Amino acid sequence: MPAKVVLEVTEGKLKGKKYKFLERTTCIIGRGVDCSPRLPDDDEHRTISRHHCLLDINPPGIRIKDFGSLNGTYVNGMKIGQRQKTQDINEISQLEFPEYDLKKGDEIKLGSTVFKVKTYESPTCSICGSDLPFDNIAEYKTKDGSYICRTCTENKTLKDTVTPLTKCTGCGKTLGKDSVEQSSGLCTVCRDDPMQVVKSLVPAEEKDKDWVV
């Protein structure tokens, strides 16, 4: 599963509601029918504009800017934008309101509604770097706290259970850790000898027989 952003309502009429974003999204919070998240269009939410603030989400990143709201948008108690009461919404240039980067734990307040920002970065395999799913991430965690995908775990297990060869099957010389030497069972010199290569492919019970070129 990829990274995601979750906005959870912690205060207000919609308390407990969560909005999840798994992909690049641009949306507006407000009372308008085209908003998402959309807040109720009732007396309790009259201080929230129909198009209140803009969210630019690219999980796990999220940015916000006021959309020319009448009563302002607050991030962690700080007002980040608000039009003057004498200004009409159509007179507002969106360039007047800067964007703000949000991080995990930040709070967005519109009227009496508060959203808490939760971000989740996709965990990755410490060996191959592939993304791992959030839902059952505990299955991939190792004793040292890192994460390994199933494919790398299987390869590691197989590697650990295979006893490396120590002697060349041709001359008895100690083999290095080179993958070619380990897979063939022959040192560099014996690999250049056609007869040694042939013998290495013959079953053990056949190797005692005389070989004639």
C-alpha atoms as a PDB file:
ATOM      1  CA  MET A   1       0.000   0.000   0.000  1.00  0.00           C
ATOM      2  CA  PRO A   2       1.349   3.471  -0.833  1.00  0.00           C
ATOM      3  CA  ALA A   3       1.747   6.407   1.572  1.00  0.00           C
ATOM      4  CA  LYS A   4      -1.437   8.083   2.743  1.00  0.00           C
ATOM      5  CA  VAL A   5      -2.823  11.175   4.459  1.00  0.00           C
ATOM      6  CA  VAL A   6      -5.737  11.020   6.887  1.00  0.00           C
ATOM      7  CA  LEU A   7      -7.719  14.009   8.161  1.00  0.00           C
ATOM      8  CA  GLU A   8      -9.628  13.152  11.334  1.00  0.00           C
ATOM      9  CA  VAL A   9     -12.269  15.464  12.768  1.00  0.00           C
ATOM     10  CA  THR A  10     -11.461  15.824  16.479  1.00  0.00           C
ATOM     11  CA  GLU A  11     -13.867  18.654  17.328  1.00  0.00           C
ATOM     12  CA  GLY A  12     -17.211  19.700  15.944  1.00  0.00           C
ATOM     13  CA  LYS A  13     -20.419  18.112  14.736  1.00  0.00           C
ATOM     14  CA  LEU A  14     -18.540  15.610  12.544  1.00  0.00           C
ATOM     15  CA  LYS A  15     -16.197  14.469  15.332  1.00  0.00           C
ATOM     16  CA  GLY A  16     -14.764  11.014  14.645  1.00  0.00           C
ATOM     17  CA  LYS A  17     -15.149  11.206  10.872  1.00  0.00           C
ATOM     18  CA  LYS A  18     -12.006  10.425   8.865  1.00  0.00           C
ATOM     19  CA  TYR A  19     -11.047  11.396   5.329  1.00  0.00           C
ATOM     20  CA  LYS A  20      -8.366   9.279   3.680  1.00  0.00           C
ATOM     21  CA  PHE A  21      -6.224  10.296   0.706  1.00  0.00           C
ATOM     22  CA  LEU A  22      -4.075   7.680  -1.043  1.00  0.00           C
ATOM     23  CA  GLU A  23      -3.080   9.593  -4.166  1.00  0.00           C
ATOM     24  CA  ARG A  24      -2.359  13.079  -5.483  1.00  0.00           C
ATOM     25  CA  THR A  25      -5.459  15.183  -4.814  1.00  0.00           C
ATOM     26  CA  THR A  26      -6.466  18.844  -4.862  1.00  0.00           C
ATOM     27  CA  CYS A  27      -9.650  19.608  -2.975  1.00  0.00           C
ATOM     28  CA  ILE A  28     -11.514  22.327  -1.094  1.00  0.00           C
ATOM     29  CA  ILE A  29     -12.935  22.190   2.434  1.00  0.00           C
ATOM     30  CA  GLY A  30     -16.169  24.097   2.898  1.00  0.00           C
ATOM     31  CA  ARG A  31     -19.962  23.979   2.864  1.00  0.00           C
ATOM     32  CA  GLY A  32     -20.280  23.907  -0.926  1.00  0.00           C
ATOM     33  CA  VAL A  33     -21.713  20.837  -2.641  1.00  0.00           C
ATOM     34  CA  ASP A  34     -18.477  20.419  -4.583  1.00  0.00           C
ATOM     35  CA  CYS A  35     -16.283  20.364  -1.457  1.00  0.00           C
ATOM     36  CA  SER A  36     -14.525  17.334  -0.043  1.00  0.00           C
ATOM     37  CA  PRO A  37     -14.335  17.233   2.904  1.00  0.00           C
ATOM     38  CA  ARG A  38     -17.745  18.902   2.944  1.00  0.00           C
ATOM     39  CA  LEU A  39     -19.070  20.430   6.160  1.00  0.00           C
ATOM     40  CA  PRO A  40     -22.819  20.752   6.935  1.00  0.00           C
ATOM     41  CA  ASP A  41     -24.616  23.741   5.442  1.00  0.00           C
ATOM     42  CA  ASP A  42     -26.471  24.677   8.625  1.00  0.00           C
ATOM     43  CA  ASP A  43     -26.548  27.441  11.232  1.00  0.00           C
ATOM     44  CA  GLU A  44     -23.838  25.775  13.314  1.00  0.00           C
ATOM     45  CA  HIS A  45     -21.391  26.039  10.415  1.00  0.00           C
ATOM     46  CA  ARG A  46     -22.279  29.525   9.088  1.00  0.00           C
ATOM     47  CA  THR A  47     -18.812  30.820  10.024  1.00  0.00           C
ATOM     48  CA  ILE A  48     -17.336  28.420   7.473  1.00  0.00           C
ATOM     49  CA  SER A  49     -17.321  29.674   3.886  1.00  0.00           C
ATOM     50  CA  ARG A  50     -18.761  27.614   1.045  1.00  0.00           C
ATOM     51  CA  HIS A  51     -15.232  27.371  -0.335  1.00  0.00           C
ATOM     52  CA  HIS A  52     -13.087  27.886   2.742  1.00  0.00           C
ATOM     53  CA  CYS A  53      -9.584  26.507   2.190  1.00  0.00           C
ATOM     54  CA  LEU A  54      -7.633  24.564  -0.415  1.00  0.00           C
ATOM     55  CA  LEU A  55      -5.734  21.316   0.175  1.00  0.00           C
ATOM     56  CA  ASP A  56      -2.957  20.081  -2.091  1.00  0.00           C
ATOM     57  CA  ILE A  57      -2.238  16.495  -1.107  1.00  0.00           C
ATOM     58  CA  ASN A  58       0.533  14.285  -2.444  1.00  0.00           C
ATOM     59  CA  PRO A  59       0.870  11.526   0.188  1.00  0.00           C
ATOM     60  CA  PRO A  60       2.539  11.701   2.597  1.00  0.00           C
ATOM     61  CA  GLY A  61       2.835  15.450   1.879  1.00  0.00           C
ATOM     62  CA  ILE A  62      -0.012  17.915   2.382  1.00  0.00           C
ATOM     63  CA  ARG A  63      -0.272  21.701   1.892  1.00  0.00           C
ATOM     64  CA  ILE A  64      -3.041  24.136   2.741  1.00  0.00           C
ATOM     65  CA  LYS A  65      -4.017  27.708   1.950  1.00  0.00           C
ATOM     66  CA  ASP A  66      -6.967  29.849   2.802  1.00  0.00           C
ATOM     67  CA  PHE A  67      -9.342  30.283  -0.143  1.00  0.00           C
ATOM     68  CA  GLY A  68     -10.449  33.794   0.746  1.00  0.00           C
ATOM     69  CA  SER A  69     -12.659  32.744   3.646  1.00  0.00           C
ATOM     70  CA  LEU A  70     -14.558  35.391   5.607  1.00  0.00           C
ATOM     71  CA  ASN A  71     -13.582  34.090   9.046  1.00  0.00           C
ATOM     72  CA  GLY A  72     -10.117  32.695   8.368  1.00  0.00           C
ATOM     73  CA  THR A  73      -8.337  29.341   8.471  1.00  0.00           C
ATOM     74  CA  TYR A  74      -6.206  28.375  11.457  1.00  0.00           C
ATOM     75  CA  VAL A  75      -3.284  25.937  11.630  1.00  0.00           C
ATOM     76  CA  ASN A  76      -2.182  25.093  15.169  1.00  0.00           C
ATOM     77  CA  GLY A  77      -3.930  28.241  16.385  1.00  0.00           C
ATOM     78  CA  MET A  78      -2.259  30.556  13.854  1.00  0.00           C
ATOM     79  CA  LYS A  79      -4.394  32.319  11.263  1.00  0.00           C
ATOM     80  CA  ILE A  80      -3.030  31.618   7.770  1.00  0.00           C
ATOM     81  CA  GLY A  81      -5.514  33.671   5.739  1.00  0.00           C
ATOM     82  CA  GLN A  82      -8.752  35.632   5.713  1.00  0.00           C
ATOM     83  CA  ARG A  83     -10.333  38.203   3.422  1.00  0.00           C
ATOM     84  CA  GLN A  84     -11.400  41.557   4.735  1.00  0.00           C
ATOM     85  CA  LYS A  85     -15.082  41.858   5.619  1.00  0.00           C
ATOM     86  CA  THR A  86     -15.366  44.664   3.084  1.00  0.00           C
ATOM     87  CA  GLN A  87     -14.001  42.450   0.290  1.00  0.00           C
ATOM     88  CA  ASP A  88     -16.200  40.420  -1.992  1.00  0.00           C
ATOM     89  CA  ILE A  89     -15.019  36.899  -2.700  1.00  0.00           C
ATOM     90  CA  ASN A  90     -14.871  37.741  -6.424  1.00  0.00           C
ATOM     91  CA  GLU A  91     -12.384  40.514  -5.684  1.00  0.00           C
ATOM     92  CA  ILE A  92      -9.920  38.124  -4.085  1.00  0.00           C
ATOM     93  CA  SER A  93      -6.813  36.988  -5.932  1.00  0.00           C
ATOM     94  CA  GLN A  94      -5.677  33.589  -4.731  1.00  0.00           C
ATOM     95  CA  LEU A  95      -2.114  34.820  -5.009  1.00  0.00           C
ATOM     96  CA  GLU A  96      -2.782  36.850  -1.872  1.00  0.00           C
ATOM     97  CA  PHE A  97      -2.854  33.738   0.287  1.00  0.00           C
ATOM     98  CA  PRO A  98       0.337  31.657   0.646  1.00  0.00           C
ATOM     99  CA  GLU A  99       0.414  27.870   0.965  1.00  0.00           C
ATOM    100  CA  TYR A 100       1.607  26.157   4.139  1.00  0.00           C
ATOM    101  CA  ASP A 101       3.161  22.730   4.468  1.00  0.00           C
ATOM    102  CA  LEU A 102       1.492  20.553   7.076  1.00  0.00           C
ATOM    103  CA  LYS A 103       3.022  17.730   9.063  1.00  0.00           C
ATOM    104  CA  LYS A 104       1.797  14.852  11.164  1.00  0.00           C
ATOM    105  CA  GLY A 105      -0.061  16.088  14.234  1.00  0.00           C
ATOM    106  CA  ASP A 106      -0.951  19.540  12.877  1.00  0.00           C
ATOM    107  CA  GLU A 107      -4.476  20.805  13.460  1.00  0.00           C
ATOM    108  CA  ILE A 108      -6.650  22.716  11.002  1.00  0.00           C
ATOM    109  CA  LYS A 109      -9.507  24.755  12.461  1.00  0.00           C
ATOM    110  CA  LEU A 110     -12.474  26.137  10.548  1.00  0.00           C
ATOM    111  CA  GLY A 111     -15.141  27.604  12.818  1.00  0.00           C
ATOM    112  CA  SER A 112     -15.771  24.994  15.510  1.00  0.00           C
ATOM    113  CA  THR A 113     -14.488  22.117  13.373  1.00  0.00           C
ATOM    114  CA  VAL A 114     -10.960  20.833  13.919  1.00  0.00           C
ATOM    115  CA  PHE A 115      -9.129  18.404  11.640  1.00  0.00           C
ATOM    116  CA  LYS A 116      -6.048  16.541  12.873  1.00  0.00           C
ATOM    117  CA  VAL A 117      -3.465  15.670  10.216  1.00  0.00           C
ATOM    118  CA  LYS A 118      -2.152  12.126  10.164  1.00  0.00           C
ATOM    119  CA  THR A 119       0.437  11.058   7.606  1.00  0.00           C
ATOM    120  CA  TYR A 120       1.729   7.581   6.894  1.00  0.00           C
ATOM    121  CA  GLU A 121       4.842   6.933   4.861  1.00  0.00           C
ATOM    122  CA  SER A 122       5.010   3.625   3.054  1.00  0.00           C
ATOM    123  CA  PRO A 123       7.464   1.325   4.886  1.00  0.00           C
ATOM    124  CA  THR A 124      10.062  -0.247   2.615  1.00  0.00           C
ATOM    125  CA  CYS A 125      12.100  -3.454   2.576  1.00  0.00           C
ATOM    126  CA  SER A 126      15.566  -2.770   4.014  1.00  0.00           C
ATOM    127  CA  ILE A 127      17.125  -5.064   1.378  1.00  0.00           C
ATOM    128  CA  CYS A 128      15.414  -4.365  -1.958  1.00  0.00           C
ATOM    129  CA  GLY A 129      13.599  -1.106  -1.128  1.00  0.00           C
ATOM    130  CA  SER A 130      10.155  -2.278  -2.272  1.00  0.00           C
ATOM    131  CA  ASP A 131       7.024  -0.818  -0.620  1.00  0.00           C
ATOM    132  CA  LEU A 132       5.337  -2.890   2.079  1.00  0.00           C
ATOM    133  CA  PRO A 133       1.624  -2.881   3.037  1.00  0.00           C
ATOM    134  CA  PHE A 134       0.488  -0.949   6.129  1.00  0.00           C
ATOM    135  CA  ASP A 135      -2.273  -3.355   7.084  1.00  0.00           C
ATOM    136  CA  ASN A 136      -0.048  -6.250   8.169  1.00  0.00           C
ATOM    137  CA  ILE A 137       3.316  -4.515   8.487  1.00  0.00           C
ATOM    138  CA  ALA A 138       4.157  -6.415  11.698  1.00  0.00           C
ATOM    139  CA  GLU A 139       4.675  -9.555   9.599  1.00  0.00           C
ATOM    140  CA  TYR A 140       7.641  -7.944   7.871  1.00  0.00           C
ATOM    141  CA  LYS A 141       9.382  -6.525  10.952  1.00  0.00           C
ATOM    142  CA  THR A 142      12.656  -8.144  12.024  1.00  0.00           C
ATOM    143  CA  LYS A 143      14.195  -8.403  15.480  1.00  0.00           C
ATOM    144  CA  ASP A 144      16.445  -5.401  14.820  1.00  0.00           C
ATOM    145  CA  GLY A 145      13.447  -3.203  13.948  1.00  0.00           C
ATOM    146  CA  SER A 146      13.943  -3.138  10.174  1.00  0.00           C
ATOM    147  CA  TYR A 147      11.526  -4.515   7.566  1.00  0.00           C
ATOM    148  CA  ILE A 148      12.143  -7.243   4.977  1.00  0.00           C
ATOM    149  CA  CYS A 149       9.692  -8.288   2.228  1.00  0.00           C
ATOM    150  CA  ARG A 150       8.686 -11.921   1.774  1.00  0.00           C
ATOM    151  CA  THR A 151      10.851 -12.424  -1.302  1.00  0.00           C
ATOM    152  CA  CYS A 152      13.997 -11.198   0.453  1.00  0.00           C
ATOM    153  CA  THR A 153      13.092 -13.214   3.567  1.00  0.00           C
ATOM    154  CA  GLU A 154      12.796 -16.389   1.486  1.00  0.00           C
ATOM    155  CA  ASN A 155      16.071 -15.688  -0.304  1.00  0.00           C
ATOM    156  CA  LYS A 156      17.818 -14.988   3.000  1.00  0.00           C
ATOM    157  CA  THR A 157      16.434 -18.191   4.542  1.00  0.00           C
ATOM    158  CA  LEU A 158      17.568 -20.215   1.537  1.00  0.00           C
ATOM    159  CA  LYS A 159      21.015 -18.645   1.672  1.00  0.00           C
ATOM    160  CA  ASP A 160      21.312 -19.385   5.392  1.00  0.00           C
ATOM    161  CA  THR A 161      20.332 -23.044   4.950  1.00  0.00           C
ATOM    162  CA  VAL A 162      22.781 -23.750   2.123  1.00  0.00           C
ATOM    163  CA  THR A 163      26.214 -24.757   3.395  1.00  0.00           C
ATOM    164  CA  PRO A 164      28.863 -23.054   1.256  1.00  0.00           C
ATOM    165  CA  LEU A 165      31.460 -25.284  -0.425  1.00  0.00           C
ATOM    166  CA  THR A 166      34.947 -24.993   1.004  1.00  0.00           C
ATOM    167  CA  LYS A 167      37.016 -27.225  -1.293  1.00  0.00           C
ATOM    168  CA  CYS A 168      37.338 -27.398  -5.063  1.00  0.00           C
ATOM    169  CA  THR A 169      35.933 -30.712  -6.288  1.00  0.00           C
ATOM    170  CA  GLY A 170      38.699 -30.873  -8.868  1.00  0.00           C
ATOM    171  CA  CYS A 171      41.925 -30.161  -7.018  1.00  0.00           C
ATOM    172  CA  GLY A 172      40.882 -29.766  -3.396  1.00  0.00           C
ATOM    173  CA  LYS A 173      41.950 -26.123  -3.225  1.00  0.00           C
ATOM    174  CA  THR A 174      40.021 -23.917  -0.808  1.00  0.00           C
ATOM    175  CA  LEU A 175      37.294 -22.050  -2.673  1.00  0.00           C
ATOM    176  CA  GLY A 176      36.628 -18.357  -2.279  1.00  0.00           C
ATOM    177  CA  LYS A 177      33.203 -16.831  -1.633  1.00  0.00           C
ATOM    178  CA  ASP A 178      32.852 -15.966  -5.311  1.00  0.00           C
ATOM    179  CA  SER A 179      29.363 -16.961  -6.476  1.00  0.00           C
ATOM    180  CA  VAL A 180      30.734 -18.600  -9.629  1.00  0.00           C
ATOM    181  CA  GLU A 181      33.142 -20.773  -7.632  1.00  0.00           C
ATOM    182  CA  GLN A 182      30.435 -21.681  -5.129  1.00  0.00           C
ATOM    183  CA  SER A 183      27.887 -22.618  -7.797  1.00  0.00           C
ATOM    184  CA  SER A 184      30.331 -24.663  -9.883  1.00  0.00           C
ATOM    185  CA  GLY A 185      32.357 -26.187  -7.056  1.00  0.00           C
ATOM    186  CA  LEU A 186      35.514 -25.518  -9.049  1.00  0.00           C
ATOM    187  CA  CYS A 187      38.323 -23.045  -8.570  1.00  0.00           C
ATOM    188  CA  THR A 188      39.378 -20.702 -11.379  1.00  0.00           C
ATOM    189  CA  VAL A 189      42.114 -23.077 -12.595  1.00  0.00           C
ATOM    190  CA  CYS A 190      39.878 -26.142 -12.709  1.00  0.00           C
ATOM    191  CA  ARG A 191      37.101 -24.236 -14.481  1.00  0.00           C
ATOM    192  CA  ASP A 192      39.561 -23.718 -17.347  1.00  0.00           C
ATOM    193  CA  ASP A 193      40.142 -27.482 -17.550  1.00  0.00           C
ATOM    194  CA  PRO A 194      37.375 -29.101 -19.660  1.00  0.00           C
ATOM    195  CA  MET A 195      37.855 -32.511 -18.016  1.00  0.00           C
ATOM    196  CA  GLN A 196      37.428 -31.082 -14.533  1.00  0.00           C
ATOM    197  CA  VAL A 197      34.258 -29.344 -15.637  1.00  0.00           C
ATOM    198  CA  VAL A 198      32.888 -32.614 -17.016  1.00  0.00           C
ATOM    199  CA  LYS A 199      33.800 -34.517 -13.840  1.00  0.00           C
ATOM    200  CA  SER A 200      32.050 -31.924 -11.706  1.00  0.00           C
ATOM    201  CA  LEU A 201      28.809 -32.736 -13.520  1.00  0.00           C
ATOM    202  CA  VAL A 202      29.057 -36.481 -12.990  1.00  0.00           C
ATOM    203  CA  PRO A 203      27.375 -38.169  -9.980  1.00  0.00           C
ATOM    204  CA  ALA A 204      29.723 -38.973  -7.090  1.00  0.00           C
ATOM    205  CA  GLU A 205      29.477 -42.762  -7.583  1.00  0.00           C
ATOM    206  CA  GLU A 206      30.701 -42.396 -11.163  1.00  0.00           C
ATOM    207  CA  LYS A 207      33.739 -40.283 -10.361  1.00  0.00           C
ATOM    208  CA  ASP A 208      35.947 -43.217  -9.298  1.00  0.00           C
ATOM    209  CA  LYS A 209      35.872 -44.709 -12.772  1.00  0.00           C
ATOM    210  CA  ASP A 210      38.785 -44.207 -15.119  1.00  0.00           C
ATOM    211  CA  TRP A 211      38.503 -41.334 -17.520  1.00  0.00           C
ATOM    212  CA  VAL A 212      40.152 -41.604 -20.921  1.00  0.00           C
ATOM    213  CA  VAL A 213      40.494 -38.687 -23.297  1.00  0.00           C
END
